[in-house]
Amino acid sequence: MRHTLLALALLVATLWPARVAAQSQEDETDAHGYDKVRIEQEDKLLVPPDLVEEVWQHLKKRLVDDQEFVRSLDPKFSSSWSEEQFTDTYYDTPDMKMYALKSGVRHRRRVSLSNPEDRKSGRELMQIKLNDVSSNELERAEIKFDIEYPRNPSSAIDRHPLLGIVKPEHREPFRERLREIGVDAEVMRPVLTVNDLRRRIYLLRDGKPFMSVSHDQVSCGVWWATTQFCEIEPELNEIGFTEATPEERAYMETVLAKIVGEIEGTFPRIQRDLTPKYNKSFDRLEAGSLPFFRTLVRTGLQDQDHMYMVLGLVVAALAGAGWWLGRLRSRRRAPRARVADAPAT
């Protein structure tokens, strides 16, 4: 599987250089290039809650305001930053195959907070994120598909919570990608939604996307359970990395390692945690106040509507039990009352 993905990535880089070069640093919500495998290399650094804002201020000061430091990484570097809100709904099978693979299928919605006029603000897409694609633990594969809501749902597929919002001409390629890893798209349902306030720094080399450093403040809730965490994602530009030569990749990896080392050296309490956001969120909810989360997913009861339904049934059951116990007590009292009222002989 990993060899197939890498081969496809190299083929994409060979056949689509003009289109790839025209895309921007932030093209995870770009509508072009669907069903193309791209290899991304990113680290994940978990930030202690009490350091969240301090870490961001350091990143901005070091990688945006201090252009002398930026150019010390590479004389051709320049940088900027943006703030965005991402809403990612993750889908899985009842037996949680994507979770087990440490991979993900997500519907991503994006809004630019720092520049509402950004052409990508408001865009949506479907992404397949695949883990374990090479011997490098930082590498993952990403495949993107367009979103299109059916105006007049006329089939079961149109009404499907996952396939129904994938652009009709993209549905079969999307399903085939999932079949390749043994996953049936038709049994997948939404499991949880991650809200991500992302402040991201872009590093460009000669004006072209080179890498980014994202500061992600994540929140997630299912039923009454909620969780929050913050992580930093230093990531090499996926398009540039996918089409780079081995020598260019080695150089990019060196720069990535320098930035990660600088962050870890400044904040020793920051720890690497390569667990994907989907798994992180699920694990934290399950370990918190939702220990039966897997049972909810297996039975399809994880969404808010089902929570109200289940709670309603529980309340109704408790009310019914209370009524039945009240009747039972009344019946037990009645014979005693009749005996007490009976005339003496």
Protein backbone atom coordinates (compact mmCIF):
# COMPACT_ATOMS: atom_id res chain seq x y z
CA MET A 1 0.00 0.00 0.00
CA ARG A 2 2.71 2.51 0.99
CA HIS A 3 4.67 1.83 -2.23
CA THR A 4 1.53 2.39 -4.34
CA LEU A 5 0.85 5.74 -2.68
CA LEU A 6 4.40 6.97 -3.18
CA ALA A 7 4.38 5.89 -6.82
CA LEU A 8 1.10 7.71 -7.43
CA ALA A 9 2.46 10.83 -5.75
CA LEU A 10 5.49 10.88 -8.03
CA LEU A 11 3.27 10.34 -11.07
CA VAL A 12 1.11 13.30 -10.08
CA ALA A 13 4.17 15.52 -9.73
CA THR A 14 5.33 14.50 -13.21
CA LEU A 15 2.03 14.93 -15.04
CA TRP A 16 0.66 18.07 -13.38
CA PRO A 17 3.56 20.47 -12.82
CA ALA A 18 1.86 23.57 -14.25
CA ARG A 19 -1.28 23.20 -12.19
CA VAL A 20 0.66 22.34 -9.05
CA ALA A 21 2.92 25.35 -9.40
CA ALA A 22 -0.08 27.65 -9.71
CA GLN A 23 -1.66 26.54 -6.44
CA SER A 24 -1.12 28.47 -3.27
CA GLN A 25 0.48 27.54 0.04
CA GLU A 26 -2.91 26.96 1.59
CA ASP A 27 -4.64 24.73 -0.92
CA GLU A 28 -6.19 22.18 1.35
CA THR A 29 -9.47 23.76 0.31
CA ASP A 30 -8.55 24.24 -3.34
CA ALA A 31 -11.21 22.80 -5.65
CA HIS A 32 -8.66 21.61 -8.23
CA GLY A 33 -6.71 18.39 -8.42
CA TYR A 34 -9.25 16.01 -6.90
CA ASP A 35 -8.35 12.35 -6.43
CA LYS A 36 -4.63 13.17 -6.49
CA VAL A 37 -2.30 11.66 -3.89
CA ARG A 38 -0.04 14.17 -2.22
CA ILE A 39 2.57 13.36 0.38
CA GLU A 40 2.80 15.73 3.31
CA GLN A 41 5.44 15.79 5.99
CA GLU A 42 4.43 17.39 9.27
CA ASP A 43 5.32 17.18 12.92
CA LYS A 44 2.79 17.47 15.75
CA LEU A 45 3.79 19.14 19.01
CA LEU A 46 1.37 19.11 21.94
CA VAL A 47 1.27 22.40 23.87
CA PRO A 48 0.53 22.48 27.64
CA PRO A 49 -2.69 24.46 28.31
CA ASP A 50 -0.94 27.16 30.34
CA LEU A 51 1.50 27.89 27.49
CA VAL A 52 -0.96 28.24 24.59
CA GLU A 53 -0.84 32.02 24.14
CA GLU A 54 2.83 32.35 25.13
CA VAL A 55 3.81 29.81 22.48
CA TRP A 56 1.85 31.61 19.78
CA GLN A 57 3.41 34.96 20.64
CA HIS A 58 6.85 33.36 20.46
CA LEU A 59 6.13 31.80 17.05
CA LYS A 60 4.88 35.08 15.63
CA LYS A 61 7.77 37.08 17.06
CA ARG A 62 10.38 34.58 15.89
CA LEU A 63 9.02 33.57 12.47
CA VAL A 64 7.22 36.73 11.34
CA ASP A 65 8.48 39.79 13.19
CA ASP A 66 12.14 38.70 13.32
CA GLN A 67 12.99 38.64 9.63
CA GLU A 68 16.69 38.38 10.44
CA PHE A 69 16.04 35.00 12.06
CA VAL A 70 13.82 33.98 9.15
CA ARG A 71 16.62 34.76 6.67
CA SER A 72 19.10 32.89 8.87
CA LEU A 73 17.11 29.76 8.07
CA ASP A 74 17.43 30.55 4.36
CA PRO A 75 18.37 33.91 2.77
CA LYS A 76 15.53 33.46 0.27
CA PHE A 77 12.83 33.11 2.95
CA SER A 78 9.98 35.54 3.68
CA SER A 79 6.98 35.01 5.96
CA SER A 80 3.44 36.07 6.85
CA TRP A 81 0.59 34.77 8.99
CA SER A 82 -3.20 34.34 8.98
CA GLU A 83 -6.02 33.30 11.30
CA GLU A 84 -8.79 30.91 10.25
CA GLN A 85 -11.57 28.76 11.66
CA PHE A 86 -11.76 25.15 10.49
CA THR A 87 -14.71 22.87 11.16
CA ASP A 88 -13.87 19.24 10.44
CA THR A 89 -16.46 16.46 10.64
CA TYR A 90 -14.84 13.01 10.79
CA TYR A 91 -16.53 9.88 9.45
CA ASP A 92 -15.91 6.26 10.33
CA THR A 93 -17.37 2.77 10.07
CA PRO A 94 -19.27 1.19 12.99
CA ASP A 95 -16.15 -0.87 13.81
CA MET A 96 -13.98 2.28 13.53
CA LYS A 97 -11.58 1.18 10.80
CA MET A 98 -10.27 4.70 10.12
CA TYR A 99 -9.52 5.16 13.81
CA ALA A 100 -7.68 1.82 13.88
CA LEU A 101 -5.59 2.89 10.86
CA LYS A 102 -4.83 6.27 12.47
CA SER A 103 -6.21 7.74 9.27
CA GLY A 104 -9.21 9.92 8.59
CA VAL A 105 -12.07 10.89 6.31
CA ARG A 106 -13.21 14.42 7.01
CA HIS A 107 -15.53 17.07 5.63
CA ARG A 108 -13.62 20.33 6.04
CA ARG A 109 -15.19 23.79 6.15
CA ARG A 110 -12.97 26.86 6.34
CA VAL A 111 -13.51 30.53 7.14
CA SER A 112 -10.76 33.14 7.05
CA LEU A 113 -10.92 35.40 10.11
CA SER A 114 -8.00 37.64 9.20
CA ASN A 115 -9.11 38.11 5.58
CA PRO A 116 -12.82 37.38 4.97
CA GLU A 117 -12.35 38.37 1.30
CA ASP A 118 -9.85 35.52 0.76
CA ARG A 119 -11.05 33.54 -2.27
CA LYS A 120 -10.74 30.31 -0.28
CA SER A 121 -12.79 31.52 2.69
CA GLY A 122 -16.03 29.55 2.89
CA ARG A 123 -14.77 26.65 0.78
CA GLU A 124 -15.44 23.03 1.64
CA LEU A 125 -13.94 19.72 0.62
CA MET A 126 -13.75 16.05 1.50
CA GLN A 127 -10.34 14.70 2.49
CA ILE A 128 -8.90 11.24 2.95
CA LYS A 129 -5.83 11.29 5.21
CA LEU A 130 -3.71 8.12 5.17
CA ASN A 131 -1.14 7.19 7.76
CA ASP A 132 1.85 4.84 7.46
CA VAL A 133 2.70 5.63 3.84
CA SER A 134 6.48 5.41 4.23
CA SER A 135 9.20 4.58 6.70
CA ASN A 136 9.19 8.24 7.82
CA GLU A 137 6.69 8.60 10.67
CA LEU A 138 6.10 12.27 9.80
CA GLU A 139 4.73 11.48 6.33
CA ARG A 140 1.07 11.06 5.47
CA ALA A 141 -0.86 10.95 2.22
CA GLU A 142 -3.76 13.26 1.45
CA ILE A 143 -6.43 12.92 -1.26
CA LYS A 144 -9.06 15.59 -1.84
CA PHE A 145 -12.55 15.62 -3.36
CA ASP A 146 -15.06 18.36 -4.06
CA ILE A 147 -18.21 18.97 -2.04
CA GLU A 148 -21.56 19.52 -3.76
CA TYR A 149 -24.83 19.44 -1.86
CA PRO A 150 -27.68 17.77 -3.82
CA ARG A 151 -30.48 20.23 -4.54
CA ASN A 152 -33.13 17.56 -5.00
CA PRO A 153 -31.95 14.31 -3.39
CA SER A 154 -33.44 11.58 -5.56
CA SER A 155 -31.56 8.46 -4.46
CA ALA A 156 -30.28 6.72 -1.36
CA ILE A 157 -26.75 7.84 -2.25
CA ASP A 158 -27.90 11.48 -2.53
CA ARG A 159 -29.30 11.17 1.00
CA HIS A 160 -26.24 9.40 2.40
CA PRO A 161 -24.56 11.53 5.13
CA LEU A 162 -21.12 11.08 3.54
CA LEU A 163 -21.46 10.16 -0.16
CA GLY A 164 -24.43 12.48 -0.60
CA ILE A 165 -22.31 15.63 -0.19
CA VAL A 166 -19.42 14.48 -2.41
CA LYS A 167 -19.66 15.90 -5.93
CA PRO A 168 -21.50 13.24 -8.00
CA GLU A 169 -18.69 12.73 -10.53
CA HIS A 170 -16.22 12.35 -7.65
CA ARG A 171 -18.21 9.75 -5.70
CA GLU A 172 -16.91 6.64 -7.43
CA PRO A 173 -13.20 7.66 -7.27
CA PHE A 174 -13.77 8.54 -3.62
CA ARG A 175 -15.34 5.15 -2.91
CA GLU A 176 -12.54 3.38 -4.78
CA ARG A 177 -9.86 5.08 -2.70
CA LEU A 178 -11.55 3.81 0.44
CA ARG A 179 -11.99 0.31 -1.01
CA GLU A 180 -8.21 0.21 -1.49
CA ILE A 181 -7.77 0.32 2.28
CA GLY A 182 -10.66 -2.05 3.00
CA VAL A 183 -13.26 0.57 3.95
CA ASP A 184 -16.85 0.64 2.68
CA ALA A 185 -17.96 4.26 2.28
CA GLU A 186 -21.64 3.34 2.43
CA VAL A 187 -21.47 2.22 6.08
CA MET A 188 -19.58 5.33 7.21
CA ARG A 189 -21.31 7.87 9.43
CA PRO A 190 -20.23 11.12 11.14
CA VAL A 191 -18.54 10.40 14.47
CA LEU A 192 -17.35 13.76 15.78
CA THR A 193 -16.70 17.34 14.70
CA VAL A 194 -13.48 19.15 15.52
CA ASN A 195 -13.44 22.95 15.71
CA ASP A 196 -9.97 24.33 15.06
CA LEU A 197 -8.94 27.95 15.57
CA ARG A 198 -5.83 27.99 13.41
CA ARG A 199 -3.18 30.69 13.43
CA ARG A 200 -0.71 29.80 10.72
CA ILE A 201 2.66 31.18 9.71
CA TYR A 202 3.72 30.76 6.08
CA LEU A 203 7.35 30.52 5.02
CA LEU A 204 7.99 31.19 1.33
CA ARG A 205 11.24 30.64 -0.57
CA ASP A 206 11.70 33.01 -3.51
CA GLY A 207 8.01 33.82 -3.13
CA LYS A 208 6.93 30.17 -3.46
CA PRO A 209 5.32 28.10 -0.69
CA PHE A 210 7.93 26.19 1.28
CA MET A 211 6.39 25.30 4.67
CA SER A 212 3.96 26.46 7.33
CA VAL A 213 3.74 26.39 11.11
CA SER A 214 0.18 26.06 12.43
CA HIS A 215 -0.90 26.87 15.97
CA ASP A 216 -4.15 24.89 16.38
CA GLN A 217 -6.55 25.41 19.28
CA VAL A 218 -8.88 22.43 19.04
CA SER A 219 -12.24 21.82 20.70
CA CYS A 220 -14.66 18.93 20.30
CA GLY A 221 -17.86 17.75 21.96
CA VAL A 222 -20.09 14.67 21.76
CA TRP A 223 -23.19 14.37 23.94
CA TRP A 224 -22.27 16.08 27.23
CA ALA A 225 -18.54 15.35 26.88
CA THR A 226 -16.12 18.04 25.69
CA THR A 227 -12.37 18.27 25.21
CA GLN A 228 -9.82 20.90 24.24
CA PHE A 229 -6.14 20.82 23.34
CA CYS A 230 -3.55 22.83 21.45
CA GLU A 231 -0.90 21.57 19.08
CA ILE A 232 1.67 23.03 16.71
CA GLU A 233 1.98 21.55 13.23
CA PRO A 234 5.20 22.51 11.41
CA GLU A 235 4.53 21.19 7.89
CA LEU A 236 6.43 21.17 4.62
CA ASN A 237 4.30 22.36 1.72
CA GLU A 238 2.67 19.21 0.40
CA ILE A 239 2.85 20.11 -3.27
CA GLY A 240 6.45 21.29 -3.14
CA PHE A 241 7.47 18.26 -1.11
CA THR A 242 5.63 15.80 -3.37
CA GLU A 243 7.31 17.06 -6.54
CA ALA A 244 10.75 17.71 -5.01
CA THR A 245 13.87 15.73 -5.90
CA PRO A 246 15.45 13.57 -3.17
CA GLU A 247 18.07 16.28 -2.62
CA GLU A 248 15.43 19.00 -2.35
CA ARG A 249 13.40 16.88 0.06
CA ALA A 250 16.46 16.37 2.24
CA TYR A 251 17.01 20.14 2.40
CA MET A 252 13.35 20.78 3.24
CA GLU A 253 13.52 18.20 6.02
CA THR A 254 16.62 19.93 7.43
CA VAL A 255 14.75 23.25 7.69
CA LEU A 256 11.75 21.52 9.27
CA ALA A 257 14.02 19.90 11.87
CA LYS A 258 15.64 23.29 12.67
CA ILE A 259 12.28 24.94 13.35
CA VAL A 260 11.02 22.03 15.44
CA GLY A 261 14.29 22.02 17.38
CA GLU A 262 13.99 25.77 18.05
CA ILE A 263 10.45 25.34 19.39
CA GLU A 264 11.35 22.37 21.59
CA GLY A 265 14.48 24.11 22.85
CA THR A 266 12.50 27.21 23.86
CA PHE A 267 9.63 25.25 25.42
CA PRO A 268 10.95 21.97 26.89
CA ARG A 269 7.47 21.01 28.13
CA ILE A 270 6.16 20.78 24.57
CA GLN A 271 6.06 17.12 23.55
CA ARG A 272 5.78 15.42 20.16
CA ASP A 273 2.48 13.57 19.75
CA LEU A 274 1.90 12.35 16.19
CA THR A 275 -1.58 11.04 16.98
CA PRO A 276 -4.06 12.52 14.43
CA LYS A 277 -6.64 15.03 15.66
CA TYR A 278 -9.46 12.53 15.11
CA ASN A 279 -7.84 9.92 17.36
CA LYS A 280 -6.74 12.53 19.91
CA SER A 281 -10.27 13.91 20.19
CA PHE A 282 -11.90 10.48 20.38
CA ASP A 283 -9.45 9.21 23.01
CA ARG A 284 -9.91 12.26 25.22
CA LEU A 285 -13.71 12.13 25.05
CA GLU A 286 -13.71 8.41 25.78
CA ALA A 287 -11.27 8.74 28.68
CA GLY A 288 -13.29 11.62 30.10
CA SER A 289 -17.02 11.51 30.65
CA LEU A 290 -18.00 9.31 27.69
CA PRO A 291 -16.53 5.84 28.43
CA PHE A 292 -19.18 4.18 26.23
CA PHE A 293 -18.28 6.26 23.14
CA ARG A 294 -17.35 3.18 21.07
CA THR A 295 -20.71 1.62 21.84
CA LEU A 296 -22.42 4.78 20.61
CA VAL A 297 -20.47 4.64 17.33
CA ARG A 298 -21.16 0.91 16.89
CA THR A 299 -24.90 1.48 17.35
CA GLY A 300 -25.01 4.79 15.45
CA LEU A 301 -26.15 6.85 18.43
CA GLN A 302 -23.29 9.35 18.68
CA ASP A 303 -24.97 12.45 17.26
CA GLN A 304 -26.85 15.10 19.26
CA ASP A 305 -30.30 14.08 18.02
CA HIS A 306 -29.76 10.53 19.25
CA MET A 307 -28.55 11.87 22.58
CA TYR A 308 -31.87 13.64 23.09
CA MET A 309 -33.73 10.54 21.95
CA VAL A 310 -31.84 8.27 24.34
CA LEU A 311 -32.17 10.71 27.24
CA GLY A 312 -35.87 11.02 26.48
CA LEU A 313 -36.26 7.26 26.58
CA VAL A 314 -34.33 7.10 29.87
CA VAL A 315 -36.52 9.81 31.40
CA ALA A 316 -39.65 8.06 30.13
CA ALA A 317 -38.40 4.73 31.51
CA LEU A 318 -37.64 6.27 34.90
CA ALA A 319 -41.03 7.96 34.98
CA GLY A 320 -42.72 4.69 34.03
CA ALA A 321 -40.78 2.82 36.71
CA GLY A 322 -41.75 5.43 39.28
CA TRP A 323 -45.41 5.17 38.32
CA TRP A 324 -45.30 1.35 38.46
CA LEU A 325 -43.63 1.36 41.88
CA GLY A 326 -46.20 3.85 43.12
CA ARG A 327 -49.04 1.59 41.97
CA LEU A 328 -47.37 -1.42 43.57
CA ARG A 329 -47.07 0.36 46.91
CA SER A 330 -50.71 1.46 46.72
CA ARG A 331 -51.87 -2.12 46.13
CA ARG A 332 -49.83 -3.35 49.08
CA ARG A 333 -51.35 -0.71 51.36
CA ALA A 334 -54.94 -1.41 50.31
CA PRO A 335 -55.34 -4.88 51.99
CA ARG A 336 -53.87 -3.54 55.22
CA ALA A 337 -56.32 -0.68 55.22
CA ARG A 338 -59.26 -3.04 54.67
CA VAL A 339 -58.12 -5.29 57.54
CA ALA A 340 -57.79 -2.30 59.87
CA ASP A 341 -61.29 -1.07 58.98
CA ALA A 342 -62.97 -4.47 59.36
CA PRO A 343 -65.53 -4.68 62.37
CA ALA A 344 -64.42 -6.65 65.42
CA THR A 345 -66.20 -9.97 66.13
